[in-house]
Structure formats: C-alpha cells, structure tokens
Amino acid sequence: MTKTLTYCSAIADLLMAASPLHAGSCAHSIARVQAQVDAVIENRAGSNSPEPESLSALRGYQPTPYSLAETEGSHGRAYEFALDSLGRARAADHVGDTASCLKELANARAVLR
C-alpha cells in the first residue's frame, strides 16, 4: 500500500510540475488574438439578416468560430485563414518556435484590419 501511495504521489507531482511547460512565450498573445477574432466573427454573424436555421442548429449543435466563419462567404474565408493561423501559432508555440508563432499571430491580426 505504501508503494502505491508513493507512486501516485510521484505521478501527481510530475503532472503538476509539467503543466506550466505547456504555456509557451506566445500563449498570452494567442489567447488575446483568439478573443479578438472570435469577437469579430460573432459581431459579423450577428449583424447579418436572419437566415433559416441550419440542420446543425436544429440538431442542437453549438456553433464554433469555424462554423460561423463558413456562413460569412468571402469574409468567412478570411476569418478561416485567421483561425488557421492561430492554430499554426499554437503548434509553433508548443514546440518553442517563437518566431513562427509571432509570424502566424501577425497573419491573424492582418485579417482583423
């Protein structure tokens, strides 16, 4: 019983110590730009004339930034590009590639202008 408790305690200590490592140097910037992109997409989607509910809405699926962007036509493609850039920024941040992360964040911000 003591060995099991010791192993569980050691595993818990390792998991708690490892969690801050996942937040790279771009994490706060990514979160800030993600919030900006989400707000622009939601505002744009809310400003259009009402459309009939989609099959997904009728089935109770919650909208995502991507699904909202898809409904926006040519603007939607730009928003999808921004969301893809944010995904690439997260991947670059995860591996510690700050330069690529910052480049992708700049691409996402460019869509907002």
C-alpha atoms as a PDB file:
ATOM      1  CA  MET A   1       0.000   0.000   0.000  1.00  0.00           C
ATOM      2  CA  THR A   2       2.858   2.398   0.811  1.00  0.00           C
ATOM      3  CA  LYS A   3       4.497   1.829  -2.592  1.00  0.00           C
ATOM      4  CA  THR A   4       1.239   2.542  -4.387  1.00  0.00           C
ATOM      5  CA  LEU A   5       0.753   5.760  -2.424  1.00  0.00           C
ATOM      6  CA  THR A   6       4.349   6.784  -3.127  1.00  0.00           C
ATOM      7  CA  TYR A   7       3.949   6.130  -6.865  1.00  0.00           C
ATOM      8  CA  CYS A   8       0.651   8.019  -7.026  1.00  0.00           C
ATOM      9  CA  SER A   9       2.183  10.944  -5.179  1.00  0.00           C
ATOM     10  CA  ALA A  10       5.206  10.981  -7.501  1.00  0.00           C
ATOM     11  CA  ILE A  11       2.997  10.897 -10.594  1.00  0.00           C
ATOM     12  CA  ALA A  12       0.825  13.715  -9.270  1.00  0.00           C
ATOM     13  CA  ASP A  13       3.934  15.796  -8.516  1.00  0.00           C
ATOM     14  CA  LEU A  14       5.241  15.242 -12.051  1.00  0.00           C
ATOM     15  CA  LEU A  15       1.920  16.187 -13.641  1.00  0.00           C
ATOM     16  CA  MET A  16       1.672  19.385 -11.616  1.00  0.00           C
ATOM     17  CA  ALA A  17       5.251  20.336 -12.381  1.00  0.00           C
ATOM     18  CA  ALA A  18       4.862  19.670 -16.107  1.00  0.00           C
ATOM     19  CA  SER A  19       1.694  21.691 -16.682  1.00  0.00           C
ATOM     20  CA  PRO A  20       3.346  25.166 -16.791  1.00  0.00           C
ATOM     21  CA  LEU A  21       5.685  23.905 -19.501  1.00  0.00           C
ATOM     22  CA  HIS A  22       2.833  23.797 -21.991  1.00  0.00           C
ATOM     23  CA  ALA A  23       2.323  27.555 -21.817  1.00  0.00           C
ATOM     24  CA  GLY A  24       4.928  28.954 -24.191  1.00  0.00           C
ATOM     25  CA  SER A  25       6.023  32.511 -24.658  1.00  0.00           C
ATOM     26  CA  CYS A  26       3.217  33.235 -27.145  1.00  0.00           C
ATOM     27  CA  ALA A  27       0.366  31.737 -25.111  1.00  0.00           C
ATOM     28  CA  HIS A  28      -0.983  35.054 -23.815  1.00  0.00           C
ATOM     29  CA  SER A  29      -0.773  36.693 -27.241  1.00  0.00           C
ATOM     30  CA  ILE A  30      -2.529  33.734 -28.836  1.00  0.00           C
ATOM     31  CA  ALA A  31      -5.361  33.965 -26.317  1.00  0.00           C
ATOM     32  CA  ARG A  32      -5.716  37.713 -26.872  1.00  0.00           C
ATOM     33  CA  VAL A  33      -5.802  37.419 -30.696  1.00  0.00           C
ATOM     34  CA  GLN A  34      -8.188  34.428 -30.473  1.00  0.00           C
ATOM     35  CA  ALA A  35     -10.592  36.540 -28.416  1.00  0.00           C
ATOM     36  CA  GLN A  36     -10.365  39.365 -30.965  1.00  0.00           C
ATOM     37  CA  VAL A  37     -11.004  37.046 -33.920  1.00  0.00           C
ATOM     38  CA  ASP A  38     -13.914  35.370 -32.103  1.00  0.00           C
ATOM     39  CA  ALA A  39     -15.457  38.771 -31.314  1.00  0.00           C
ATOM     40  CA  VAL A  40     -15.174  39.938 -34.933  1.00  0.00           C
ATOM     41  CA  ILE A  41     -16.740  36.711 -36.214  1.00  0.00           C
ATOM     42  CA  GLU A  42     -19.595  36.878 -33.690  1.00  0.00           C
ATOM     43  CA  ASN A  43     -20.278  40.552 -34.390  1.00  0.00           C
ATOM     44  CA  ARG A  44     -20.289  39.952 -38.130  1.00  0.00           C
ATOM     45  CA  ALA A  45     -22.569  36.920 -37.790  1.00  0.00           C
ATOM     46  CA  GLY A  46     -24.959  38.868 -35.578  1.00  0.00           C
ATOM     47  CA  SER A  47     -25.168  41.812 -37.968  1.00  0.00           C
ATOM     48  CA  ASN A  48     -26.493  39.867 -40.959  1.00  0.00           C
ATOM     49  CA  SER A  49     -30.148  39.430 -41.730  1.00  0.00           C
ATOM     50  CA  PRO A  50     -31.703  36.389 -40.111  1.00  0.00           C
ATOM     51  CA  GLU A  51     -31.198  33.161 -42.004  1.00  0.00           C
ATOM     52  CA  PRO A  52     -33.155  29.922 -41.661  1.00  0.00           C
ATOM     53  CA  GLU A  53     -31.725  27.602 -39.057  1.00  0.00           C
ATOM     54  CA  SER A  54     -29.249  25.082 -40.389  1.00  0.00           C
ATOM     55  CA  LEU A  55     -29.604  21.365 -39.872  1.00  0.00           C
ATOM     56  CA  SER A  56     -26.800  21.518 -37.292  1.00  0.00           C
ATOM     57  CA  ALA A  57     -28.675  24.174 -35.326  1.00  0.00           C
ATOM     58  CA  LEU A  58     -31.854  22.143 -35.456  1.00  0.00           C
ATOM     59  CA  ARG A  59     -29.944  19.169 -34.078  1.00  0.00           C
ATOM     60  CA  GLY A  60     -28.753  21.268 -31.145  1.00  0.00           C
ATOM     61  CA  TYR A  61     -25.102  21.590 -32.155  1.00  0.00           C
ATOM     62  CA  GLN A  62     -23.389  24.655 -30.750  1.00  0.00           C
ATOM     63  CA  PRO A  63     -21.761  26.993 -33.269  1.00  0.00           C
ATOM     64  CA  THR A  64     -17.991  27.209 -33.365  1.00  0.00           C
ATOM     65  CA  PRO A  65     -15.869  30.048 -34.738  1.00  0.00           C
ATOM     66  CA  TYR A  66     -15.235  27.915 -37.840  1.00  0.00           C
ATOM     67  CA  SER A  67     -18.914  27.163 -38.422  1.00  0.00           C
ATOM     68  CA  LEU A  68     -19.792  30.850 -38.026  1.00  0.00           C
ATOM     69  CA  ALA A  69     -16.985  31.829 -40.401  1.00  0.00           C
ATOM     70  CA  GLU A  70     -18.254  29.350 -43.002  1.00  0.00           C
ATOM     71  CA  THR A  71     -21.562  31.203 -43.176  1.00  0.00           C
ATOM     72  CA  GLU A  72     -19.911  34.533 -43.971  1.00  0.00           C
ATOM     73  CA  GLY A  73     -18.987  33.967 -47.627  1.00  0.00           C
ATOM     74  CA  SER A  74     -15.844  35.832 -48.731  1.00  0.00           C
ATOM     75  CA  HIS A  75     -15.364  37.386 -45.289  1.00  0.00           C
ATOM     76  CA  GLY A  76     -15.638  33.899 -43.852  1.00  0.00           C
ATOM     77  CA  ARG A  77     -12.638  32.674 -45.828  1.00  0.00           C
ATOM     78  CA  ALA A  78     -10.556  35.459 -44.299  1.00  0.00           C
ATOM     79  CA  TYR A  79     -11.788  34.510 -40.833  1.00  0.00           C
ATOM     80  CA  GLU A  80     -10.990  30.857 -41.501  1.00  0.00           C
ATOM     81  CA  PHE A  81      -7.479  31.938 -42.530  1.00  0.00           C
ATOM     82  CA  ALA A  82      -7.141  33.812 -39.216  1.00  0.00           C
ATOM     83  CA  LEU A  83      -8.341  30.770 -37.267  1.00  0.00           C
ATOM     84  CA  ASP A  84      -5.919  28.531 -39.171  1.00  0.00           C
ATOM     85  CA  SER A  85      -3.099  30.978 -38.428  1.00  0.00           C
ATOM     86  CA  LEU A  86      -3.965  30.791 -34.747  1.00  0.00           C
ATOM     87  CA  GLY A  87      -3.798  27.004 -34.929  1.00  0.00           C
ATOM     88  CA  ARG A  88      -0.356  27.184 -36.524  1.00  0.00           C
ATOM     89  CA  ALA A  89       0.703  29.718 -33.868  1.00  0.00           C
ATOM     90  CA  ARG A  90      -0.350  27.273 -31.126  1.00  0.00           C
ATOM     91  CA  ALA A  91       1.608  24.468 -32.794  1.00  0.00           C
ATOM     92  CA  ALA A  92       4.701  26.666 -33.126  1.00  0.00           C
ATOM     93  CA  ASP A  93       4.356  27.797 -29.511  1.00  0.00           C
ATOM     94  CA  HIS A  94       4.037  24.200 -28.369  1.00  0.00           C
ATOM     95  CA  VAL A  95       7.416  23.311 -29.894  1.00  0.00           C
ATOM     96  CA  GLY A  96       9.034  26.575 -28.750  1.00  0.00           C
ATOM     97  CA  ASP A  97       9.296  28.220 -32.183  1.00  0.00           C
ATOM     98  CA  THR A  98       8.635  31.811 -31.099  1.00  0.00           C
ATOM     99  CA  ALA A  99       9.485  33.355 -34.476  1.00  0.00           C
ATOM    100  CA  SER A 100       6.904  31.228 -36.317  1.00  0.00           C
ATOM    101  CA  CYS A 101       4.360  31.846 -33.578  1.00  0.00           C
ATOM    102  CA  LEU A 102       4.749  35.614 -33.882  1.00  0.00           C
ATOM    103  CA  LYS A 103       4.550  35.401 -37.690  1.00  0.00           C
ATOM    104  CA  GLU A 104       1.285  33.468 -37.541  1.00  0.00           C
ATOM    105  CA  LEU A 105      -0.122  35.904 -34.981  1.00  0.00           C
ATOM    106  CA  ALA A 106       0.726  38.754 -37.337  1.00  0.00           C
ATOM    107  CA  ASN A 107      -1.136  36.926 -40.129  1.00  0.00           C
ATOM    108  CA  ALA A 108      -4.203  36.554 -37.914  1.00  0.00           C
ATOM    109  CA  ARG A 109      -4.074  40.213 -36.857  1.00  0.00           C
ATOM    110  CA  ALA A 110      -3.820  41.303 -40.506  1.00  0.00           C
ATOM    111  CA  VAL A 111      -7.259  39.801 -41.135  1.00  0.00           C
ATOM    112  CA  LEU A 112      -8.714  41.962 -38.371  1.00  0.00           C
ATOM    113  CA  ARG A 113      -7.584  45.205 -40.055  1.00  0.00           C
END
